[in-house]
Amino acid sequence: MPKKKTQKVRFHKGDKRPGGKQVKLSYDTKLVKRGRKMIWQVIEQPTKSVISEYFFEEDARKLADFQNEHKIWQNNGGVPPFLCLNYMSKN
């Protein structure tokens, strides 16, 4: 009878388990007025964080379409807050 392999990773009291369910991310563009300028923002849903800002709609739409197609940050739960321009916490 073969030996049973022992678990190599040790868990300690207070260790947290891996994260819960994954949320579906989507990216959208929004026109915002800043003073006298009109700026297009790329916004991540459901975190509502502003990923980037552009003067032209085509540039913002290009980034939003790319992110919606490839979902690069899906496994991380969205773009990290330190890379966002304006991060809205989940309430």
PDB file of N, CA and C in Angstrom:
ATOM      1  N   MET A   1       0.831  -1.174   0.000  1.00  0.00           N
ATOM      2  CA  MET A   1       0.000   0.000   0.000  1.00  0.00           C
ATOM      3  C   MET A   1       0.886   1.251   0.000  1.00  0.00           C
ATOM      4  N   PRO A   2       0.652   2.199  -0.955  1.00  0.00           N
ATOM      5  CA  PRO A   2       1.503   3.398  -1.020  1.00  0.00           C
ATOM      6  C   PRO A   2       1.288   4.310   0.183  1.00  0.00           C
ATOM      7  N   LYS A   3       2.363   5.033   0.508  1.00  0.00           N
ATOM      8  CA  LYS A   3       2.285   5.983   1.618  1.00  0.00           C
ATOM      9  C   LYS A   3       1.437   7.179   1.222  1.00  0.00           C
ATOM     10  N   LYS A   4       0.756   7.743   2.177  1.00  0.00           N
ATOM     11  CA  LYS A   4       0.014   8.985   1.937  1.00  0.00           C
ATOM     12  C   LYS A   4       0.974  10.149   2.007  1.00  0.00           C
ATOM     13  N   LYS A   5       0.816  11.071   1.086  1.00  0.00           N
ATOM     14  CA  LYS A   5       1.652  12.258   1.096  1.00  0.00           C
ATOM     15  C   LYS A   5       1.128  13.223   2.142  1.00  0.00           C
ATOM     16  N   THR A   6       2.051  13.831   2.860  1.00  0.00           N
ATOM     17  CA  THR A   6       1.648  14.826   3.851  1.00  0.00           C
ATOM     18  C   THR A   6       1.586  16.189   3.177  1.00  0.00           C
ATOM     19  N   GLN A   7       0.769  17.027   3.721  1.00  0.00           N
ATOM     20  CA  GLN A   7       0.617  18.368   3.175  1.00  0.00           C
ATOM     21  C   GLN A   7       1.862  19.182   3.491  1.00  0.00           C
ATOM     22  N   LYS A   8       2.439  19.798   2.478  1.00  0.00           N
ATOM     23  CA  LYS A   8       3.685  20.535   2.655  1.00  0.00           C
ATOM     24  C   LYS A   8       3.462  21.952   3.168  1.00  0.00           C
ATOM     25  N   VAL A   9       2.299  22.517   2.911  1.00  0.00           N
ATOM     26  CA  VAL A   9       2.003  23.874   3.365  1.00  0.00           C
ATOM     27  C   VAL A   9       1.338  23.781   4.733  1.00  0.00           C
ATOM     28  N   ARG A  10       1.873  24.494   5.663  1.00  0.00           N
ATOM     29  CA  ARG A  10       1.315  24.473   7.020  1.00  0.00           C
ATOM     30  C   ARG A  10       0.394  25.672   7.203  1.00  0.00           C
ATOM     31  N   PHE A  11      -0.763  25.419   7.750  1.00  0.00           N
ATOM     32  CA  PHE A  11      -1.702  26.490   8.051  1.00  0.00           C
ATOM     33  C   PHE A  11      -1.686  26.736   9.550  1.00  0.00           C
ATOM     34  N   HIS A  12      -1.777  27.979   9.902  1.00  0.00           N
ATOM     35  CA  HIS A  12      -1.743  28.359  11.303  1.00  0.00           C
ATOM     36  C   HIS A  12      -3.060  29.019  11.686  1.00  0.00           C
ATOM     37  N   LYS A  13      -3.322  29.045  12.979  1.00  0.00           N
ATOM     38  CA  LYS A  13      -4.538  29.670  13.464  1.00  0.00           C
ATOM     39  C   LYS A  13      -4.525  31.148  13.074  1.00  0.00           C
ATOM     40  N   GLY A  14      -5.632  31.617  12.504  1.00  0.00           N
ATOM     41  CA  GLY A  14      -5.741  33.012  12.083  1.00  0.00           C
ATOM     42  C   GLY A  14      -5.451  33.217  10.618  1.00  0.00           C
ATOM     43  N   ASP A  15      -4.951  32.192   9.916  1.00  0.00           N
ATOM     44  CA  ASP A  15      -4.723  32.318   8.474  1.00  0.00           C
ATOM     45  C   ASP A  15      -6.053  32.467   7.767  1.00  0.00           C
ATOM     46  N   LYS A  16      -6.060  33.272   6.732  1.00  0.00           N
ATOM     47  CA  LYS A  16      -7.287  33.477   5.967  1.00  0.00           C
ATOM     48  C   LYS A  16      -7.291  32.576   4.751  1.00  0.00           C
ATOM     49  N   ARG A  17      -8.466  32.159   4.368  1.00  0.00           N
ATOM     50  CA  ARG A  17      -8.616  31.337   3.173  1.00  0.00           C
ATOM     51  C   ARG A  17      -8.644  32.242   1.945  1.00  0.00           C
ATOM     52  N   PRO A  18      -8.448  31.658   0.786  1.00  0.00           N
ATOM     53  CA  PRO A  18      -8.504  32.471  -0.435  1.00  0.00           C
ATOM     54  C   PRO A  18      -9.837  33.201  -0.568  1.00  0.00           C
ATOM     55  N   GLY A  19      -9.832  34.269  -1.352  1.00  0.00           N
ATOM     56  CA  GLY A  19     -10.994  35.141  -1.503  1.00  0.00           C
ATOM     57  C   GLY A  19     -12.255  34.429  -1.949  1.00  0.00           C
ATOM     58  N   GLY A  20     -13.352  35.102  -1.792  1.00  0.00           N
ATOM     59  CA  GLY A  20     -14.655  34.556  -2.121  1.00  0.00           C
ATOM     60  C   GLY A  20     -14.945  34.607  -3.605  1.00  0.00           C
ATOM     61  N   LYS A  21     -16.190  34.869  -3.938  1.00  0.00           N
ATOM     62  CA  LYS A  21     -16.606  34.839  -5.332  1.00  0.00           C
ATOM     63  C   LYS A  21     -15.998  35.990  -6.127  1.00  0.00           C
ATOM     64  N   GLN A  22     -15.780  35.739  -7.396  1.00  0.00           N
ATOM     65  CA  GLN A  22     -15.246  36.746  -8.294  1.00  0.00           C
ATOM     66  C   GLN A  22     -16.392  37.575  -8.867  1.00  0.00           C
ATOM     67  N   VAL A  23     -16.185  38.865  -8.959  1.00  0.00           N
ATOM     68  CA  VAL A  23     -17.195  39.725  -9.549  1.00  0.00           C
ATOM     69  C   VAL A  23     -16.878  39.915 -11.023  1.00  0.00           C
ATOM     70  N   LYS A  24     -17.892  40.154 -11.820  1.00  0.00           N
ATOM     71  CA  LYS A  24     -17.706  40.413 -13.244  1.00  0.00           C
ATOM     72  C   LYS A  24     -17.341  41.885 -13.422  1.00  0.00           C
ATOM     73  N   LEU A  25     -16.222  42.127 -14.058  1.00  0.00           N
ATOM     74  CA  LEU A  25     -15.779  43.494 -14.298  1.00  0.00           C
ATOM     75  C   LEU A  25     -16.233  43.956 -15.673  1.00  0.00           C
ATOM     76  N   SER A  26     -16.572  45.218 -15.759  1.00  0.00           N
ATOM     77  CA  SER A  26     -16.862  45.836 -17.046  1.00  0.00           C
ATOM     78  C   SER A  26     -16.340  47.265 -17.006  1.00  0.00           C
ATOM     79  N   TYR A  27     -16.017  47.771 -18.167  1.00  0.00           N
ATOM     80  CA  TYR A  27     -15.435  49.103 -18.279  1.00  0.00           C
ATOM     81  C   TYR A  27     -16.301  49.955 -19.179  1.00  0.00           C
ATOM     82  N   ASP A  28     -16.517  51.199 -18.770  1.00  0.00           N
ATOM     83  CA  ASP A  28     -17.394  52.100 -19.496  1.00  0.00           C
ATOM     84  C   ASP A  28     -16.740  53.474 -19.569  1.00  0.00           C
ATOM     85  N   THR A  29     -17.200  54.289 -20.498  1.00  0.00           N
ATOM     86  CA  THR A  29     -16.684  55.653 -20.626  1.00  0.00           C
ATOM     87  C   THR A  29     -17.751  56.644 -20.176  1.00  0.00           C
ATOM     88  N   LYS A  30     -17.288  57.767 -19.662  1.00  0.00           N
ATOM     89  CA  LYS A  30     -18.201  58.791 -19.161  1.00  0.00           C
ATOM     90  C   LYS A  30     -17.592  60.162 -19.458  1.00  0.00           C
ATOM     91  N   LEU A  31     -18.430  61.090 -19.892  1.00  0.00           N
ATOM     92  CA  LEU A  31     -17.992  62.450 -20.168  1.00  0.00           C
ATOM     93  C   LEU A  31     -18.151  63.289 -18.903  1.00  0.00           C
ATOM     94  N   VAL A  32     -17.059  63.952 -18.501  1.00  0.00           N
ATOM     95  CA  VAL A  32     -17.050  64.756 -17.271  1.00  0.00           C
ATOM     96  C   VAL A  32     -16.526  66.140 -17.614  1.00  0.00           C
ATOM     97  N   LYS A  33     -17.130  67.155 -17.012  1.00  0.00           N
ATOM     98  CA  LYS A  33     -16.686  68.532 -17.230  1.00  0.00           C
ATOM     99  C   LYS A  33     -15.801  68.955 -16.064  1.00  0.00           C
ATOM    100  N   ARG A  34     -14.584  69.397 -16.381  1.00  0.00           N
ATOM    101  CA  ARG A  34     -13.653  69.902 -15.388  1.00  0.00           C
ATOM    102  C   ARG A  34     -13.339  71.346 -15.732  1.00  0.00           C
ATOM    103  N   GLY A  35     -13.964  72.258 -15.024  1.00  0.00           N
ATOM    104  CA  GLY A  35     -13.777  73.673 -15.338  1.00  0.00           C
ATOM    105  C   GLY A  35     -14.355  73.977 -16.709  1.00  0.00           C
ATOM    106  N   ARG A  36     -13.501  74.353 -17.645  1.00  0.00           N
ATOM    107  CA  ARG A  36     -13.959  74.648 -19.010  1.00  0.00           C
ATOM    108  C   ARG A  36     -13.640  73.513 -19.968  1.00  0.00           C
ATOM    109  N   LYS A  37     -13.051  72.432 -19.465  1.00  0.00           N
ATOM    110  CA  LYS A  37     -12.650  71.322 -20.317  1.00  0.00           C
ATOM    111  C   LYS A  37     -13.604  70.144 -20.160  1.00  0.00           C
ATOM    112  N   MET A  38     -13.783  69.396 -21.238  1.00  0.00           N
ATOM    113  CA  MET A  38     -14.573  68.172 -21.225  1.00  0.00           C
ATOM    114  C   MET A  38     -13.591  67.007 -21.301  1.00  0.00           C
ATOM    115  N   ILE A  39     -13.699  66.076 -20.366  1.00  0.00           N
ATOM    116  CA  ILE A  39     -12.763  64.959 -20.272  1.00  0.00           C
ATOM    117  C   ILE A  39     -13.538  63.647 -20.291  1.00  0.00           C
ATOM    118  N   TRP A  40     -13.021  62.665 -21.033  1.00  0.00           N
ATOM    119  CA  TRP A  40     -13.609  61.328 -21.066  1.00  0.00           C
ATOM    120  C   TRP A  40     -12.878  60.456 -20.059  1.00  0.00           C
ATOM    121  N   GLN A  41     -13.644  59.810 -19.171  1.00  0.00           N
ATOM    122  CA  GLN A  41     -13.074  58.923 -18.164  1.00  0.00           C
ATOM    123  C   GLN A  41     -13.433  57.479 -18.489  1.00  0.00           C
ATOM    124  N   VAL A  42     -12.502  56.576 -18.211  1.00  0.00           N
ATOM    125  CA  VAL A  42     -12.764  55.141 -18.300  1.00  0.00           C
ATOM    126  C   VAL A  42     -13.015  54.672 -16.882  1.00  0.00           C
ATOM    127  N   ILE A  43     -14.212  54.127 -16.640  1.00  0.00           N
ATOM    128  CA  ILE A  43     -14.637  53.753 -15.298  1.00  0.00           C
ATOM    129  C   ILE A  43     -14.834  52.246 -15.226  1.00  0.00           C
ATOM    130  N   GLU A  44     -14.326  51.657 -14.146  1.00  0.00           N
ATOM    131  CA  GLU A  44     -14.455  50.219 -13.921  1.00  0.00           C
ATOM    132  C   GLU A  44     -15.688  49.963 -13.055  1.00  0.00           C
ATOM    133  N   GLN A  45     -16.513  49.046 -13.490  1.00  0.00           N
ATOM    134  CA  GLN A  45     -17.687  48.666 -12.718  1.00  0.00           C
ATOM    135  C   GLN A  45     -17.468  47.271 -12.164  1.00  0.00           C
ATOM    136  N   PRO A  46     -17.852  46.881 -10.997  1.00  0.00           N
ATOM    137  CA  PRO A  46     -18.657  47.573 -10.010  1.00  0.00           C
ATOM    138  C   PRO A  46     -17.859  48.386  -9.002  1.00  0.00           C
ATOM    139  N   THR A  47     -16.522  48.495  -9.139  1.00  0.00           N
ATOM    140  CA  THR A  47     -15.741  49.248  -8.161  1.00  0.00           C
ATOM    141  C   THR A  47     -15.864  50.756  -8.333  1.00  0.00           C
ATOM    142  N   LYS A  48     -16.325  51.204  -9.493  1.00  0.00           N
ATOM    143  CA  LYS A  48     -16.514  52.630  -9.803  1.00  0.00           C
ATOM    144  C   LYS A  48     -15.223  53.428  -9.669  1.00  0.00           C
ATOM    145  N   SER A  49     -14.102  52.805  -9.982  1.00  0.00           N
ATOM    146  CA  SER A  49     -12.831  53.513  -9.932  1.00  0.00           C
ATOM    147  C   SER A  49     -12.498  54.050 -11.317  1.00  0.00           C
ATOM    148  N   VAL A  50     -11.902  55.235 -11.360  1.00  0.00           N
ATOM    149  CA  VAL A  50     -11.528  55.879 -12.616  1.00  0.00           C
ATOM    150  C   VAL A  50     -10.151  55.356 -13.003  1.00  0.00           C
ATOM    151  N   ILE A  51     -10.089  54.674 -14.143  1.00  0.00           N
ATOM    152  CA  ILE A  51      -8.844  54.064 -14.591  1.00  0.00           C
ATOM    153  C   ILE A  51      -7.961  55.097 -15.282  1.00  0.00           C
ATOM    154  N   SER A  52      -8.527  55.865 -16.209  1.00  0.00           N
ATOM    155  CA  SER A  52      -7.753  56.885 -16.911  1.00  0.00           C
ATOM    156  C   SER A  52      -8.683  57.952 -17.463  1.00  0.00           C
ATOM    157  N   GLU A  53      -8.076  59.060 -17.901  1.00  0.00           N
ATOM    158  CA  GLU A  53      -8.824  60.178 -18.472  1.00  0.00           C
ATOM    159  C   GLU A  53      -8.209  60.556 -19.809  1.00  0.00           C
ATOM    160  N   TYR A  54      -9.071  60.891 -20.768  1.00  0.00           N
ATOM    161  CA  TYR A  54      -8.631  61.259 -22.112  1.00  0.00           C
ATOM    162  C   TYR A  54      -9.411  62.486 -22.582  1.00  0.00           C
ATOM    163  N   PHE A  55      -8.804  63.229 -23.530  1.00  0.00           N
ATOM    164  CA  PHE A  55      -9.494  64.358 -24.135  1.00  0.00           C
ATOM    165  C   PHE A  55     -10.400  63.909 -25.279  1.00  0.00           C
ATOM    166  N   PHE A  56     -10.078  62.755 -25.880  1.00  0.00           N
ATOM    167  CA  PHE A  56     -10.840  62.272 -27.028  1.00  0.00           C
ATOM    168  C   PHE A  56     -11.600  60.999 -26.680  1.00  0.00           C
ATOM    169  N   GLU A  57     -12.834  60.918 -27.146  1.00  0.00           N
ATOM    170  CA  GLU A  57     -13.683  59.758 -26.873  1.00  0.00           C
ATOM    171  C   GLU A  57     -13.105  58.484 -27.483  1.00  0.00           C
ATOM    172  N   GLU A  58     -12.486  58.589 -28.654  1.00  0.00           N
ATOM    173  CA  GLU A  58     -11.952  57.414 -29.333  1.00  0.00           C
ATOM    174  C   GLU A  58     -10.875  56.726 -28.491  1.00  0.00           C
ATOM    175  N   ASP A  59     -10.029  57.522 -27.834  1.00  0.00           N
ATOM    176  CA  ASP A  59      -8.971  56.951 -27.002  1.00  0.00           C
ATOM    177  C   ASP A  59      -9.549  56.232 -25.791  1.00  0.00           C
ATOM    178  N   ALA A  60     -10.532  56.866 -25.152  1.00  0.00           N
ATOM    179  CA  ALA A  60     -11.162  56.254 -23.984  1.00  0.00           C
ATOM    180  C   ALA A  60     -11.917  54.995 -24.374  1.00  0.00           C
ATOM    181  N   ARG A  61     -12.626  55.043 -25.492  1.00  0.00           N
ATOM    182  CA  ARG A  61     -13.390  53.883 -25.960  1.00  0.00           C
ATOM    183  C   ARG A  61     -12.460  52.723 -26.317  1.00  0.00           C
ATOM    184  N   LYS A  62     -11.288  53.054 -26.878  1.00  0.00           N
ATOM    185  CA  LYS A  62     -10.323  52.026 -27.259  1.00  0.00           C
ATOM    186  C   LYS A  62      -9.846  51.261 -26.021  1.00  0.00           C
ATOM    187  N   LEU A  63      -9.524  51.975 -24.937  1.00  0.00           N
ATOM    188  CA  LEU A  63      -9.088  51.322 -23.703  1.00  0.00           C
ATOM    189  C   LEU A  63     -10.217  50.508 -23.084  1.00  0.00           C
ATOM    190  N   ALA A  64     -11.419  51.065 -23.047  1.00  0.00           N
ATOM    191  CA  ALA A  64     -12.563  50.350 -22.466  1.00  0.00           C
ATOM    192  C   ALA A  64     -12.870  49.080 -23.247  1.00  0.00           C
ATOM    193  N   ASP A  65     -12.842  49.135 -24.557  1.00  0.00           N
ATOM    194  CA  ASP A  65     -13.099  47.953 -25.377  1.00  0.00           C
ATOM    195  C   ASP A  65     -12.033  46.889 -25.168  1.00  0.00           C
ATOM    196  N   PHE A  66     -10.770  47.313 -25.089  1.00  0.00           N
ATOM    197  CA  PHE A  66      -9.679  46.361 -24.857  1.00  0.00           C
ATOM    198  C   PHE A  66      -9.847  45.656 -23.519  1.00  0.00           C
ATOM    199  N   GLN A  67     -10.143  46.431 -22.468  1.00  0.00           N
ATOM    200  CA  GLN A  67     -10.306  45.832 -21.132  1.00  0.00           C
ATOM    201  C   GLN A  67     -11.533  44.926 -21.077  1.00  0.00           C
ATOM    202  N   ASN A  68     -12.621  45.308 -21.745  1.00  0.00           N
ATOM    203  CA  ASN A  68     -13.815  44.466 -21.759  1.00  0.00           C
ATOM    204  C   ASN A  68     -13.560  43.157 -22.499  1.00  0.00           C
ATOM    205  N   GLU A  69     -12.715  43.199 -23.508  1.00  0.00           N
ATOM    206  CA  GLU A  69     -12.446  41.988 -24.289  1.00  0.00           C
ATOM    207  C   GLU A  69     -11.491  41.044 -23.569  1.00  0.00           C
ATOM    208  N   HIS A  70     -10.415  41.575 -22.992  1.00  0.00           N
ATOM    209  CA  HIS A  70      -9.368  40.724 -22.434  1.00  0.00           C
ATOM    210  C   HIS A  70      -9.471  40.491 -20.934  1.00  0.00           C
ATOM    211  N   LYS A  71     -10.151  41.357 -20.194  1.00  0.00           N
ATOM    212  CA  LYS A  71     -10.342  41.216 -18.740  1.00  0.00           C
ATOM    213  C   LYS A  71      -9.026  40.927 -18.011  1.00  0.00           C
ATOM    214  N   ILE A  72      -8.057  41.791 -18.185  1.00  0.00           N
ATOM    215  CA  ILE A  72      -6.728  41.577 -17.644  1.00  0.00           C
ATOM    216  C   ILE A  72      -6.716  41.575 -16.114  1.00  0.00           C
ATOM    217  N   TRP A  73      -7.491  42.410 -15.479  1.00  0.00           N
ATOM    218  CA  TRP A  73      -7.479  42.530 -14.022  1.00  0.00           C
ATOM    219  C   TRP A  73      -8.563  41.708 -13.343  1.00  0.00           C
ATOM    220  N   GLN A  74      -9.227  40.804 -14.052  1.00  0.00           N
ATOM    221  CA  GLN A  74     -10.342  40.024 -13.506  1.00  0.00           C
ATOM    222  C   GLN A  74      -9.909  39.196 -12.288  1.00  0.00           C
ATOM    223  N   ASN A  75      -8.762  38.514 -12.369  1.00  0.00           N
ATOM    224  CA  ASN A  75      -8.323  37.649 -11.276  1.00  0.00           C
ATOM    225  C   ASN A  75      -7.964  38.423 -10.021  1.00  0.00           C
ATOM    226  N   ASN A  76      -7.578  39.671 -10.169  1.00  0.00           N
ATOM    227  CA  ASN A  76      -7.202  40.493  -9.018  1.00  0.00           C
ATOM    228  C   ASN A  76      -8.372  41.239  -8.417  1.00  0.00           C
ATOM    229  N   GLY A  77      -9.556  41.122  -9.003  1.00  0.00           N
ATOM    230  CA  GLY A  77     -10.711  41.842  -8.496  1.00  0.00           C
ATOM    231  C   GLY A  77     -10.760  43.281  -8.966  1.00  0.00           C
ATOM    232  N   GLY A  78     -10.063  43.600 -10.020  1.00  0.00           N
ATOM    233  CA  GLY A  78     -10.055  44.960 -10.551  1.00  0.00           C
ATOM    234  C   GLY A  78      -8.665  45.556 -10.523  1.00  0.00           C
ATOM    235  N   VAL A  79      -8.555  46.723 -11.104  1.00  0.00           N
ATOM    236  CA  VAL A  79      -7.276  47.426 -11.125  1.00  0.00           C
ATOM    237  C   VAL A  79      -6.929  47.833  -9.698  1.00  0.00           C
ATOM    238  N   PRO A  80      -5.673  47.634  -9.241  1.00  0.00           N
ATOM    239  CA  PRO A  80      -5.300  48.023  -7.879  1.00  0.00           C
ATOM    240  C   PRO A  80      -5.507  49.511  -7.644  1.00  0.00           C
ATOM    241  N   PRO A  81      -5.883  49.880  -6.432  1.00  0.00           N
ATOM    242  CA  PRO A  81      -6.187  51.293  -6.133  1.00  0.00           C
ATOM    243  C   PRO A  81      -5.035  52.255  -6.414  1.00  0.00           C
ATOM    244  N   PHE A  82      -3.793  51.815  -6.246  1.00  0.00           N
ATOM    245  CA  PHE A  82      -2.681  52.738  -6.457  1.00  0.00           C
ATOM    246  C   PHE A  82      -2.442  53.034  -7.938  1.00  0.00           C
ATOM    247  N   LEU A  83      -3.064  52.269  -8.845  1.00  0.00           N
ATOM    248  CA  LEU A  83      -2.959  52.549 -10.272  1.00  0.00           C
ATOM    249  C   LEU A  83      -4.141  53.358 -10.798  1.00  0.00           C
ATOM    250  N   CYS A  84      -5.167  53.538  -9.986  1.00  0.00           N
ATOM    251  CA  CYS A  84      -6.365  54.273 -10.405  1.00  0.00           C
ATOM    252  C   CYS A  84      -6.210  55.765 -10.111  1.00  0.00           C
ATOM    253  N   LEU A  85      -6.936  56.576 -10.869  1.00  0.00           N
ATOM    254  CA  LEU A  85      -6.919  58.015 -10.624  1.00  0.00           C
ATOM    255  C   LEU A  85      -7.812  58.393  -9.456  1.00  0.00           C
ATOM    256  N   ASN A  86      -8.966  57.747  -9.350  1.00  0.00           N
ATOM    257  CA  ASN A  86      -9.921  58.049  -8.290  1.00  0.00           C
ATOM    258  C   ASN A  86     -10.582  56.751  -7.883  1.00  0.00           C
ATOM    259  N   TYR A  87     -10.200  56.203  -6.740  1.00  0.00           N
ATOM    260  CA  TYR A  87     -10.721  54.917  -6.313  1.00  0.00           C
ATOM    261  C   TYR A  87     -11.884  55.120  -5.362  1.00  0.00           C
ATOM    262  N   MET A  88     -13.037  54.521  -5.676  1.00  0.00           N
ATOM    263  CA  MET A  88     -14.201  54.597  -4.814  1.00  0.00           C
ATOM    264  C   MET A  88     -14.309  53.291  -4.042  1.00  0.00           C
ATOM    265  N   SER A  89     -14.300  53.372  -2.720  1.00  0.00           N
ATOM    266  CA  SER A  89     -14.402  52.144  -1.924  1.00  0.00           C
ATOM    267  C   SER A  89     -15.815  51.607  -1.970  1.00  0.00           C
ATOM    268  N   LYS A  90     -15.927  50.296  -1.775  1.00  0.00           N
ATOM    269  CA  LYS A  90     -17.241  49.656  -1.784  1.00  0.00           C
ATOM    270  C   LYS A  90     -17.955  49.959  -0.488  1.00  0.00           C
ATOM    271  N   ASN A  91     -19.149  50.504  -0.570  1.00  0.00           N
ATOM    272  CA  ASN A  91     -19.929  50.831   0.630  1.00  0.00           C
ATOM    273  C   ASN A  91     -21.043  49.846   0.807  1.00  0.00           C
TER     274      ASN A  91
END
